[in-house]
Amino acid sequence: MPTSSKRIALITGGSRGLGRNTVLSLAERGIDSIFTYHSNQAEAGKVVSLAAGAGRQAVALQLDTGKAGTFDPFVKGVRKALADLGAERFDYLVNNAGTSHHAAFDKTTEAELDSLYHVHFKGVFFLTQKLLPLMNDGGRIVMDLLGPHAHHLAGKRPLCVHEGRHRGTHPLPGEGVGAE
């Protein structure tokens, strides 16, 4: 964790739903945020205003997590946002961005599955890889790869993965001291 008391989170998909609630909940806990939005800049602006109302700073950056070729310029934007927040690194990464997919397993096309894979898995993997150098040691990573409404579509989803990890020297369950 950082030596200063200022904490910063980076949340993908932070302009709506769970991501928006994460940005605002963290603001209530004294944590500034950098968050992404896909296309609705107006909604992202509302989240920035709501975080400010809670006494915290939030910076909205546009990102399509399905397009890994845009990640290098995005990381430059993150560096600038961090500088604007008076920091060089952030503490928490919440990979929340995703898309809805409502076709049944047996009706999902190859193109639809490719799109889901690019947004919910490949994009998350390579974005996290690009952002790791900007994370403080001891920082935390949350990966919500389930996508929206997964609990309502159990057994019908073509892609359903969930993982939570943290960065640092602390062992994960099943790793390190006492692991079997």
N, C-alpha and C. Protein backbone atom coordinates (compact mmCIF):
# COMPACT_ATOMS: atom_id res chain seq x y z
N MET A 1 0.83 -1.18 0.00
CA MET A 1 0.00 0.00 0.00
C MET A 1 0.88 1.25 0.00
N PRO A 2 0.33 2.37 -0.41
CA PRO A 2 1.13 3.58 -0.50
C PRO A 2 1.50 4.09 0.88
N THR A 3 2.56 4.91 0.91
CA THR A 3 2.97 5.49 2.17
C THR A 3 2.11 6.69 2.52
N SER A 4 1.50 7.35 1.54
CA SER A 4 0.62 8.47 1.84
C SER A 4 -0.77 7.94 2.17
N SER A 5 -1.59 8.80 2.73
CA SER A 5 -2.94 8.37 3.10
C SER A 5 -3.90 8.46 1.92
N LYS A 6 -3.49 9.08 0.82
CA LYS A 6 -4.35 9.21 -0.36
C LYS A 6 -4.41 7.87 -1.08
N ARG A 7 -5.64 7.39 -1.31
CA ARG A 7 -5.82 6.14 -2.04
C ARG A 7 -6.60 6.41 -3.31
N ILE A 8 -6.24 5.66 -4.38
CA ILE A 8 -6.86 5.84 -5.68
C ILE A 8 -7.24 4.47 -6.24
N ALA A 9 -8.43 4.41 -6.82
CA ALA A 9 -8.90 3.19 -7.48
C ALA A 9 -9.08 3.47 -8.96
N LEU A 10 -8.86 2.46 -9.78
CA LEU A 10 -9.19 2.52 -11.20
C LEU A 10 -10.28 1.48 -11.44
N ILE A 11 -11.43 1.95 -11.92
CA ILE A 11 -12.59 1.09 -12.13
C ILE A 11 -12.97 1.13 -13.60
N THR A 12 -12.97 -0.02 -14.28
CA THR A 12 -13.47 -0.05 -15.64
C THR A 12 -14.99 -0.19 -15.59
N GLY A 13 -15.64 0.44 -16.55
CA GLY A 13 -17.10 0.38 -16.56
C GLY A 13 -17.71 1.12 -15.39
N GLY A 14 -17.17 2.29 -15.07
CA GLY A 14 -17.58 3.02 -13.88
C GLY A 14 -18.70 4.02 -14.07
N SER A 15 -19.27 4.11 -15.24
CA SER A 15 -20.31 5.13 -15.46
C SER A 15 -21.72 4.63 -15.22
N ARG A 16 -21.90 3.31 -15.09
CA ARG A 16 -23.24 2.76 -14.89
C ARG A 16 -23.19 1.57 -13.94
N GLY A 17 -24.33 1.22 -13.42
CA GLY A 17 -24.51 -0.02 -12.67
C GLY A 17 -23.54 -0.23 -11.54
N LEU A 18 -23.02 -1.44 -11.46
CA LEU A 18 -22.11 -1.83 -10.38
C LEU A 18 -20.86 -0.97 -10.36
N GLY A 19 -20.32 -0.63 -11.53
CA GLY A 19 -19.13 0.21 -11.59
C GLY A 19 -19.38 1.60 -11.03
N ARG A 20 -20.51 2.18 -11.39
CA ARG A 20 -20.89 3.50 -10.85
C ARG A 20 -21.03 3.43 -9.33
N ASN A 21 -21.71 2.40 -8.86
CA ASN A 21 -21.88 2.23 -7.41
C ASN A 21 -20.54 2.04 -6.72
N THR A 22 -19.61 1.38 -7.39
CA THR A 22 -18.27 1.19 -6.82
C THR A 22 -17.55 2.52 -6.69
N VAL A 23 -17.57 3.33 -7.74
CA VAL A 23 -16.93 4.66 -7.69
C VAL A 23 -17.52 5.47 -6.53
N LEU A 24 -18.84 5.49 -6.42
CA LEU A 24 -19.48 6.31 -5.40
C LEU A 24 -19.28 5.76 -3.99
N SER A 25 -19.30 4.45 -3.85
CA SER A 25 -19.05 3.84 -2.54
C SER A 25 -17.62 4.11 -2.09
N LEU A 26 -16.67 4.01 -3.02
CA LEU A 26 -15.28 4.31 -2.67
C LEU A 26 -15.11 5.79 -2.31
N ALA A 27 -15.82 6.67 -3.00
CA ALA A 27 -15.76 8.10 -2.68
C ALA A 27 -16.23 8.34 -1.24
N GLU A 28 -17.28 7.65 -0.85
CA GLU A 28 -17.79 7.78 0.53
C GLU A 28 -16.77 7.28 1.54
N ARG A 29 -15.86 6.42 1.11
CA ARG A 29 -14.82 5.87 1.99
C ARG A 29 -13.51 6.63 1.86
N GLY A 30 -13.53 7.77 1.14
CA GLY A 30 -12.35 8.62 1.05
C GLY A 30 -11.36 8.22 -0.03
N ILE A 31 -11.83 7.50 -1.04
CA ILE A 31 -10.94 7.02 -2.10
C ILE A 31 -11.28 7.73 -3.41
N ASP A 32 -10.28 8.33 -4.04
CA ASP A 32 -10.45 8.96 -5.35
C ASP A 32 -10.48 7.88 -6.42
N SER A 33 -11.04 8.20 -7.57
CA SER A 33 -11.17 7.19 -8.63
C SER A 33 -10.81 7.75 -10.01
N ILE A 34 -10.28 6.85 -10.80
CA ILE A 34 -10.20 7.01 -12.24
C ILE A 34 -11.10 5.91 -12.76
N PHE A 35 -12.07 6.25 -13.60
CA PHE A 35 -12.96 5.21 -14.09
C PHE A 35 -13.17 5.37 -15.58
N THR A 36 -13.61 4.28 -16.20
CA THR A 36 -13.83 4.31 -17.63
C THR A 36 -15.32 4.28 -17.96
N TYR A 37 -15.59 4.80 -19.13
CA TYR A 37 -16.92 4.70 -19.73
C TYR A 37 -16.71 4.29 -21.17
N HIS A 38 -17.70 3.63 -21.76
CA HIS A 38 -17.57 3.18 -23.14
C HIS A 38 -17.96 4.28 -24.12
N SER A 39 -19.20 4.82 -23.97
CA SER A 39 -19.67 5.80 -24.95
C SER A 39 -20.49 6.94 -24.37
N ASN A 40 -20.99 6.81 -23.16
CA ASN A 40 -21.89 7.82 -22.61
C ASN A 40 -21.14 8.80 -21.70
N GLN A 41 -20.54 9.80 -22.33
CA GLN A 41 -19.74 10.78 -21.59
C GLN A 41 -20.60 11.57 -20.61
N ALA A 42 -21.86 11.82 -20.95
CA ALA A 42 -22.75 12.57 -20.05
C ALA A 42 -22.96 11.82 -18.74
N GLU A 43 -23.20 10.52 -18.81
CA GLU A 43 -23.37 9.72 -17.58
C GLU A 43 -22.09 9.71 -16.78
N ALA A 44 -20.94 9.61 -17.47
CA ALA A 44 -19.65 9.65 -16.78
C ALA A 44 -19.48 10.97 -16.04
N GLY A 45 -19.91 12.05 -16.67
CA GLY A 45 -19.83 13.36 -16.02
C GLY A 45 -20.66 13.44 -14.76
N LYS A 46 -21.81 12.79 -14.77
CA LYS A 46 -22.66 12.76 -13.57
C LYS A 46 -21.96 12.03 -12.42
N VAL A 47 -21.26 10.94 -12.75
CA VAL A 47 -20.54 10.20 -11.72
C VAL A 47 -19.42 11.06 -11.14
N VAL A 48 -18.71 11.78 -11.99
CA VAL A 48 -17.66 12.70 -11.52
C VAL A 48 -18.26 13.71 -10.54
N SER A 49 -19.42 14.28 -10.89
CA SER A 49 -20.08 15.26 -10.03
C SER A 49 -20.53 14.65 -8.71
N LEU A 50 -21.08 13.44 -8.76
CA LEU A 50 -21.53 12.77 -7.53
C LEU A 50 -20.35 12.45 -6.61
N ALA A 51 -19.22 12.03 -7.18
CA ALA A 51 -18.03 11.78 -6.37
C ALA A 51 -17.54 13.07 -5.72
N ALA A 52 -17.58 14.17 -6.48
CA ALA A 52 -17.19 15.47 -5.93
C ALA A 52 -18.12 15.86 -4.78
N GLY A 53 -19.40 15.54 -4.93
CA GLY A 53 -20.37 15.81 -3.87
C GLY A 53 -20.05 15.04 -2.59
N ALA A 54 -19.37 13.92 -2.74
CA ALA A 54 -18.94 13.13 -1.58
C ALA A 54 -17.56 13.57 -1.09
N GLY A 55 -17.01 14.63 -1.71
CA GLY A 55 -15.74 15.17 -1.26
C GLY A 55 -14.51 14.51 -1.87
N ARG A 56 -14.70 13.74 -2.94
CA ARG A 56 -13.58 13.07 -3.58
C ARG A 56 -13.46 13.46 -5.04
N GLN A 57 -12.29 13.19 -5.61
CA GLN A 57 -12.07 13.46 -7.02
C GLN A 57 -12.28 12.18 -7.83
N ALA A 58 -12.84 12.34 -9.01
CA ALA A 58 -12.99 11.24 -9.95
C ALA A 58 -12.67 11.76 -11.34
N VAL A 59 -11.99 10.93 -12.11
CA VAL A 59 -11.62 11.27 -13.48
C VAL A 59 -12.20 10.20 -14.40
N ALA A 60 -12.94 10.62 -15.42
CA ALA A 60 -13.54 9.68 -16.37
C ALA A 60 -12.72 9.64 -17.65
N LEU A 61 -12.38 8.44 -18.09
CA LEU A 61 -11.63 8.23 -19.33
C LEU A 61 -12.41 7.27 -20.22
N GLN A 62 -12.46 7.57 -21.52
CA GLN A 62 -13.15 6.69 -22.46
C GLN A 62 -12.27 5.48 -22.76
N LEU A 63 -12.91 4.29 -22.82
CA LEU A 63 -12.18 3.07 -23.14
C LEU A 63 -13.15 2.01 -23.64
N ASP A 64 -12.75 1.31 -24.69
CA ASP A 64 -13.44 0.10 -25.14
C ASP A 64 -12.54 -1.06 -24.76
N THR A 65 -12.92 -1.81 -23.73
CA THR A 65 -12.06 -2.88 -23.24
C THR A 65 -11.94 -4.05 -24.21
N GLY A 66 -12.71 -4.04 -25.27
CA GLY A 66 -12.61 -5.07 -26.29
C GLY A 66 -11.58 -4.77 -27.35
N LYS A 67 -10.94 -3.61 -27.27
CA LYS A 67 -9.95 -3.19 -28.28
C LYS A 67 -8.59 -3.01 -27.63
N ALA A 68 -7.86 -4.10 -27.52
CA ALA A 68 -6.56 -4.08 -26.84
C ALA A 68 -5.57 -3.12 -27.49
N GLY A 69 -5.73 -2.82 -28.76
CA GLY A 69 -4.84 -1.90 -29.45
C GLY A 69 -4.93 -0.47 -28.94
N THR A 70 -5.96 -0.16 -28.16
CA THR A 70 -6.11 1.19 -27.60
C THR A 70 -5.53 1.33 -26.20
N PHE A 71 -4.97 0.25 -25.67
CA PHE A 71 -4.55 0.27 -24.27
C PHE A 71 -3.33 1.14 -24.00
N ASP A 72 -2.37 1.21 -24.94
CA ASP A 72 -1.20 2.07 -24.71
C ASP A 72 -1.60 3.54 -24.58
N PRO A 73 -2.42 4.09 -25.50
CA PRO A 73 -2.86 5.48 -25.30
C PRO A 73 -3.70 5.64 -24.03
N PHE A 74 -4.48 4.62 -23.67
CA PHE A 74 -5.27 4.70 -22.44
C PHE A 74 -4.35 4.81 -21.23
N VAL A 75 -3.29 4.01 -21.20
CA VAL A 75 -2.35 4.05 -20.07
C VAL A 75 -1.72 5.43 -19.96
N LYS A 76 -1.42 6.07 -21.09
CA LYS A 76 -0.92 7.46 -21.05
C LYS A 76 -1.95 8.38 -20.40
N GLY A 77 -3.23 8.17 -20.72
CA GLY A 77 -4.30 8.95 -20.09
C GLY A 77 -4.39 8.69 -18.60
N VAL A 78 -4.16 7.45 -18.20
CA VAL A 78 -4.16 7.11 -16.76
C VAL A 78 -3.01 7.82 -16.07
N ARG A 79 -1.84 7.83 -16.69
CA ARG A 79 -0.68 8.54 -16.10
C ARG A 79 -1.00 10.02 -15.89
N LYS A 80 -1.63 10.64 -16.88
CA LYS A 80 -2.01 12.05 -16.76
C LYS A 80 -3.05 12.23 -15.65
N ALA A 81 -4.05 11.34 -15.60
CA ALA A 81 -5.07 11.43 -14.55
C ALA A 81 -4.45 11.27 -13.17
N LEU A 82 -3.51 10.35 -13.05
CA LEU A 82 -2.82 10.18 -11.77
C LEU A 82 -2.08 11.45 -11.38
N ALA A 83 -1.39 12.06 -12.34
CA ALA A 83 -0.67 13.31 -12.07
C ALA A 83 -1.66 14.40 -11.63
N ASP A 84 -2.82 14.47 -12.30
CA ASP A 84 -3.84 15.45 -11.91
C ASP A 84 -4.34 15.20 -10.50
N LEU A 85 -4.30 13.94 -10.06
CA LEU A 85 -4.72 13.59 -8.70
C LEU A 85 -3.56 13.69 -7.71
N GLY A 86 -2.38 14.08 -8.19
CA GLY A 86 -1.22 14.24 -7.32
C GLY A 86 -0.54 12.92 -6.97
N ALA A 87 -0.61 11.95 -7.88
CA ALA A 87 -0.03 10.63 -7.61
C ALA A 87 0.67 10.10 -8.85
N GLU A 88 1.46 9.06 -8.66
CA GLU A 88 2.10 8.36 -9.77
C GLU A 88 1.54 6.96 -9.94
N ARG A 89 0.89 6.45 -8.90
CA ARG A 89 0.37 5.08 -8.91
C ARG A 89 -1.01 5.04 -8.27
N PHE A 90 -1.70 3.93 -8.51
CA PHE A 90 -3.00 3.73 -7.88
C PHE A 90 -2.98 2.46 -7.03
N ASP A 91 -4.02 2.27 -6.22
CA ASP A 91 -4.03 1.20 -5.22
C ASP A 91 -4.96 0.04 -5.55
N TYR A 92 -6.03 0.32 -6.25
CA TYR A 92 -7.05 -0.71 -6.50
C TYR A 92 -7.43 -0.70 -7.98
N LEU A 93 -7.53 -1.88 -8.55
CA LEU A 93 -8.02 -2.03 -9.92
C LEU A 93 -9.27 -2.90 -9.87
N VAL A 94 -10.38 -2.37 -10.34
CA VAL A 94 -11.63 -3.11 -10.39
C VAL A 94 -12.00 -3.27 -11.87
N ASN A 95 -11.79 -4.47 -12.38
CA ASN A 95 -12.14 -4.78 -13.77
C ASN A 95 -13.62 -5.15 -13.81
N ASN A 96 -14.45 -4.19 -14.14
CA ASN A 96 -15.89 -4.35 -14.11
C ASN A 96 -16.55 -4.19 -15.47
N ALA A 97 -15.87 -3.56 -16.42
CA ALA A 97 -16.50 -3.28 -17.72
C ALA A 97 -16.98 -4.57 -18.37
N GLY A 98 -18.09 -4.48 -19.04
CA GLY A 98 -18.61 -5.66 -19.71
C GLY A 98 -19.80 -5.32 -20.58
N THR A 99 -20.27 -6.33 -21.26
CA THR A 99 -21.42 -6.18 -22.14
C THR A 99 -22.48 -7.19 -21.75
N SER A 100 -23.70 -6.89 -22.09
CA SER A 100 -24.80 -7.84 -21.88
C SER A 100 -24.90 -8.75 -23.10
N HIS A 101 -25.22 -9.98 -22.85
CA HIS A 101 -25.45 -10.95 -23.92
C HIS A 101 -26.58 -11.85 -23.47
N HIS A 102 -27.66 -11.85 -24.21
CA HIS A 102 -28.85 -12.56 -23.76
C HIS A 102 -29.22 -13.77 -24.60
N ALA A 103 -28.40 -14.11 -25.58
CA ALA A 103 -28.70 -15.30 -26.39
C ALA A 103 -28.40 -16.56 -25.57
N ALA A 104 -29.19 -17.57 -25.78
CA ALA A 104 -28.96 -18.85 -25.11
C ALA A 104 -27.65 -19.46 -25.59
N PHE A 105 -27.11 -20.33 -24.78
CA PHE A 105 -25.85 -20.99 -25.09
C PHE A 105 -25.87 -21.59 -26.50
N ASP A 106 -26.92 -22.30 -26.83
CA ASP A 106 -26.99 -22.98 -28.12
C ASP A 106 -27.32 -22.05 -29.29
N LYS A 107 -27.60 -20.79 -29.01
CA LYS A 107 -27.91 -19.81 -30.06
C LYS A 107 -26.81 -18.78 -30.26
N THR A 108 -25.78 -18.82 -29.42
CA THR A 108 -24.69 -17.85 -29.50
C THR A 108 -23.83 -18.13 -30.72
N THR A 109 -23.57 -17.08 -31.51
CA THR A 109 -22.77 -17.22 -32.72
C THR A 109 -21.28 -17.10 -32.39
N GLU A 110 -20.46 -17.48 -33.34
CA GLU A 110 -19.01 -17.35 -33.16
C GLU A 110 -18.62 -15.89 -32.99
N ALA A 111 -19.21 -15.00 -33.77
CA ALA A 111 -18.90 -13.57 -33.66
C ALA A 111 -19.30 -13.03 -32.28
N GLU A 112 -20.44 -13.46 -31.76
CA GLU A 112 -20.88 -13.01 -30.43
C GLU A 112 -19.92 -13.51 -29.35
N LEU A 113 -19.52 -14.77 -29.46
CA LEU A 113 -18.60 -15.32 -28.47
C LEU A 113 -17.24 -14.63 -28.55
N ASP A 114 -16.77 -14.34 -29.78
CA ASP A 114 -15.52 -13.60 -29.93
C ASP A 114 -15.61 -12.24 -29.25
N SER A 115 -16.72 -11.54 -29.44
CA SER A 115 -16.91 -10.23 -28.81
C SER A 115 -16.89 -10.35 -27.29
N LEU A 116 -17.60 -11.33 -26.75
CA LEU A 116 -17.60 -11.54 -25.30
C LEU A 116 -16.19 -11.84 -24.80
N TYR A 117 -15.49 -12.68 -25.51
CA TYR A 117 -14.12 -13.04 -25.13
C TYR A 117 -13.21 -11.82 -25.12
N HIS A 118 -13.31 -10.99 -26.14
CA HIS A 118 -12.46 -9.80 -26.24
C HIS A 118 -12.73 -8.82 -25.11
N VAL A 119 -13.99 -8.62 -24.74
CA VAL A 119 -14.34 -7.65 -23.70
C VAL A 119 -14.13 -8.23 -22.30
N HIS A 120 -14.61 -9.45 -22.07
CA HIS A 120 -14.66 -10.01 -20.72
C HIS A 120 -13.43 -10.79 -20.30
N PHE A 121 -12.59 -11.17 -21.22
CA PHE A 121 -11.43 -11.96 -20.84
C PHE A 121 -10.12 -11.42 -21.42
N LYS A 122 -9.99 -11.42 -22.73
CA LYS A 122 -8.74 -10.96 -23.36
C LYS A 122 -8.44 -9.51 -23.01
N GLY A 123 -9.44 -8.65 -23.14
CA GLY A 123 -9.24 -7.25 -22.83
C GLY A 123 -8.85 -7.03 -21.38
N VAL A 124 -9.54 -7.71 -20.48
CA VAL A 124 -9.24 -7.60 -19.04
C VAL A 124 -7.81 -8.05 -18.76
N PHE A 125 -7.44 -9.18 -19.35
CA PHE A 125 -6.09 -9.72 -19.13
C PHE A 125 -5.02 -8.73 -19.57
N PHE A 126 -5.12 -8.25 -20.82
CA PHE A 126 -4.07 -7.37 -21.33
C PHE A 126 -4.12 -5.96 -20.74
N LEU A 127 -5.30 -5.48 -20.39
CA LEU A 127 -5.38 -4.18 -19.72
C LEU A 127 -4.73 -4.26 -18.34
N THR A 128 -5.03 -5.31 -17.61
CA THR A 128 -4.41 -5.49 -16.29
C THR A 128 -2.90 -5.58 -16.43
N GLN A 129 -2.43 -6.31 -17.43
CA GLN A 129 -1.00 -6.43 -17.68
C GLN A 129 -0.37 -5.05 -17.91
N LYS A 130 -1.03 -4.20 -18.69
CA LYS A 130 -0.51 -2.86 -18.98
C LYS A 130 -0.52 -1.96 -17.75
N LEU A 131 -1.51 -2.18 -16.86
CA LEU A 131 -1.67 -1.30 -15.71
C LEU A 131 -0.84 -1.71 -14.49
N LEU A 132 -0.37 -2.94 -14.44
CA LEU A 132 0.40 -3.40 -13.27
C LEU A 132 1.56 -2.49 -12.89
N PRO A 133 2.33 -1.95 -13.85
CA PRO A 133 3.42 -1.07 -13.45
C PRO A 133 2.96 0.22 -12.75
N LEU A 134 1.69 0.56 -12.87
CA LEU A 134 1.16 1.77 -12.24
C LEU A 134 0.51 1.50 -10.89
N MET A 135 0.50 0.23 -10.46
CA MET A 135 -0.12 -0.11 -9.18
C MET A 135 0.91 -0.07 -8.05
N ASN A 136 0.45 0.42 -6.91
CA ASN A 136 1.29 0.38 -5.72
C ASN A 136 1.47 -1.07 -5.28
N ASP A 137 2.66 -1.38 -4.72
CA ASP A 137 2.86 -2.70 -4.13
C ASP A 137 1.83 -2.87 -3.02
N GLY A 138 1.27 -4.05 -2.94
CA GLY A 138 0.23 -4.32 -1.95
C GLY A 138 -1.15 -3.90 -2.43
N GLY A 139 -1.23 -3.38 -3.66
CA GLY A 139 -2.53 -3.00 -4.20
C GLY A 139 -3.41 -4.21 -4.42
N ARG A 140 -4.67 -3.96 -4.73
CA ARG A 140 -5.64 -5.04 -4.89
C ARG A 140 -6.26 -5.00 -6.28
N ILE A 141 -6.55 -6.19 -6.81
CA ILE A 141 -7.21 -6.32 -8.11
C ILE A 141 -8.47 -7.14 -7.92
N VAL A 142 -9.57 -6.62 -8.42
CA VAL A 142 -10.82 -7.37 -8.45
C VAL A 142 -11.20 -7.56 -9.91
N MET A 143 -11.46 -8.78 -10.29
CA MET A 143 -11.85 -9.08 -11.66
C MET A 143 -13.26 -9.64 -11.65
N ASP A 144 -14.20 -8.85 -12.13
CA ASP A 144 -15.57 -9.30 -12.27
C ASP A 144 -15.79 -9.64 -13.74
N LEU A 145 -15.56 -10.89 -14.07
CA LEU A 145 -15.64 -11.31 -15.46
C LEU A 145 -16.98 -11.96 -15.79
N LEU A 146 -17.89 -11.95 -14.85
CA LEU A 146 -19.19 -12.59 -15.08
C LEU A 146 -20.04 -11.84 -16.07
N GLY A 147 -19.93 -10.53 -16.06
CA GLY A 147 -20.80 -9.74 -16.92
C GLY A 147 -22.12 -9.47 -16.22
N PRO A 148 -22.88 -8.51 -16.75
CA PRO A 148 -24.12 -8.12 -16.12
C PRO A 148 -25.15 -9.23 -16.10
N HIS A 149 -25.91 -9.30 -15.06
CA HIS A 149 -27.07 -10.18 -14.93
C HIS A 149 -26.72 -11.66 -14.97
N ALA A 150 -25.50 -12.04 -14.67
CA ALA A 150 -25.11 -13.44 -14.77
C ALA A 150 -25.94 -14.32 -13.84
N HIS A 151 -26.30 -13.81 -12.67
CA HIS A 151 -27.06 -14.64 -11.75
C HIS A 151 -28.46 -14.95 -12.27
N HIS A 152 -28.99 -14.12 -13.15
CA HIS A 152 -30.31 -14.37 -13.73
C HIS A 152 -30.24 -15.34 -14.89
N LEU A 153 -29.07 -15.55 -15.44
CA LEU A 153 -28.93 -16.34 -16.66
C LEU A 153 -28.13 -17.61 -16.45
N ALA A 154 -28.08 -18.09 -15.20
CA ALA A 154 -27.30 -19.28 -14.90
C ALA A 154 -27.69 -20.41 -15.84
N GLY A 155 -26.68 -21.07 -16.39
CA GLY A 155 -26.91 -22.17 -17.30
C GLY A 155 -27.17 -21.75 -18.73
N LYS A 156 -27.29 -20.46 -18.98
CA LYS A 156 -27.59 -19.95 -20.31
C LYS A 156 -26.47 -19.11 -20.88
N ARG A 157 -25.48 -18.80 -20.07
CA ARG A 157 -24.40 -17.92 -20.49
C ARG A 157 -23.32 -18.69 -21.23
N PRO A 158 -22.83 -18.15 -22.36
CA PRO A 158 -21.74 -18.82 -23.06
C PRO A 158 -20.38 -18.58 -22.42
N LEU A 159 -20.25 -17.56 -21.58
CA LEU A 159 -18.98 -17.24 -20.96
C LEU A 159 -19.27 -16.78 -19.54
N CYS A 160 -18.72 -17.47 -18.56
CA CYS A 160 -19.01 -17.13 -17.17
C CYS A 160 -17.79 -17.49 -16.33
N VAL A 161 -16.99 -16.47 -15.97
CA VAL A 161 -15.75 -16.66 -15.23
C VAL A 161 -15.73 -15.65 -14.10
N HIS A 162 -15.17 -16.00 -12.95
CA HIS A 162 -15.04 -15.03 -11.86
C HIS A 162 -13.72 -15.26 -11.15
N GLU A 163 -13.01 -14.18 -10.88
CA GLU A 163 -11.71 -14.27 -10.24
C GLU A 163 -11.47 -13.04 -9.40
N GLY A 164 -10.85 -13.19 -8.26
CA GLY A 164 -10.43 -12.06 -7.44
C GLY A 164 -9.00 -12.29 -6.99
N ARG A 165 -8.14 -11.30 -7.12
CA ARG A 165 -6.73 -11.43 -6.74
C ARG A 165 -6.26 -10.13 -6.12
N HIS A 166 -5.10 -10.18 -5.51
CA HIS A 166 -4.44 -8.95 -5.07
C HIS A 166 -2.97 -9.02 -5.44
N ARG A 167 -2.39 -7.84 -5.60
CA ARG A 167 -0.99 -7.75 -5.98
C ARG A 167 -0.17 -7.50 -4.72
N GLY A 168 0.88 -8.22 -4.56
CA GLY A 168 1.75 -8.00 -3.42
C GLY A 168 2.38 -9.30 -2.97
N THR A 169 2.87 -9.30 -1.75
CA THR A 169 3.60 -10.45 -1.25
C THR A 169 2.74 -11.38 -0.40
N HIS A 170 1.49 -11.01 -0.13
CA HIS A 170 0.64 -11.85 0.71
C HIS A 170 0.16 -13.05 -0.08
N PRO A 171 0.25 -14.26 0.51
CA PRO A 171 -0.19 -15.44 -0.24
C PRO A 171 -1.70 -15.45 -0.40
N LEU A 172 -2.14 -16.03 -1.52
CA LEU A 172 -3.56 -16.25 -1.76
C LEU A 172 -3.95 -17.56 -1.10
N PRO A 173 -5.23 -17.80 -0.86
CA PRO A 173 -5.63 -19.11 -0.33
C PRO A 173 -5.06 -20.22 -1.21
N GLY A 174 -4.43 -21.19 -0.57
CA GLY A 174 -3.84 -22.29 -1.31
C GLY A 174 -2.42 -22.02 -1.77
N GLU A 175 -1.88 -20.85 -1.47
CA GLU A 175 -0.52 -20.51 -1.85
C GLU A 175 0.29 -20.16 -0.61
N GLY A 176 1.58 -20.32 -0.68
CA GLY A 176 2.45 -19.85 0.38
C GLY A 176 2.41 -20.74 1.61
N VAL A 177 2.66 -20.14 2.77
CA VAL A 177 2.77 -20.86 4.03
C VAL A 177 1.46 -21.60 4.32
N GLY A 178 1.59 -22.88 4.64
CA GLY A 178 0.43 -23.67 5.02
C GLY A 178 -0.38 -24.20 3.86
N ALA A 179 0.04 -23.94 2.62
CA ALA A 179 -0.71 -24.44 1.47
C ALA A 179 -0.51 -25.95 1.38
N GLU A 180 -1.58 -26.62 1.04
CA GLU A 180 -1.48 -28.08 0.89
C GLU A 180 -1.24 -28.47 -0.54
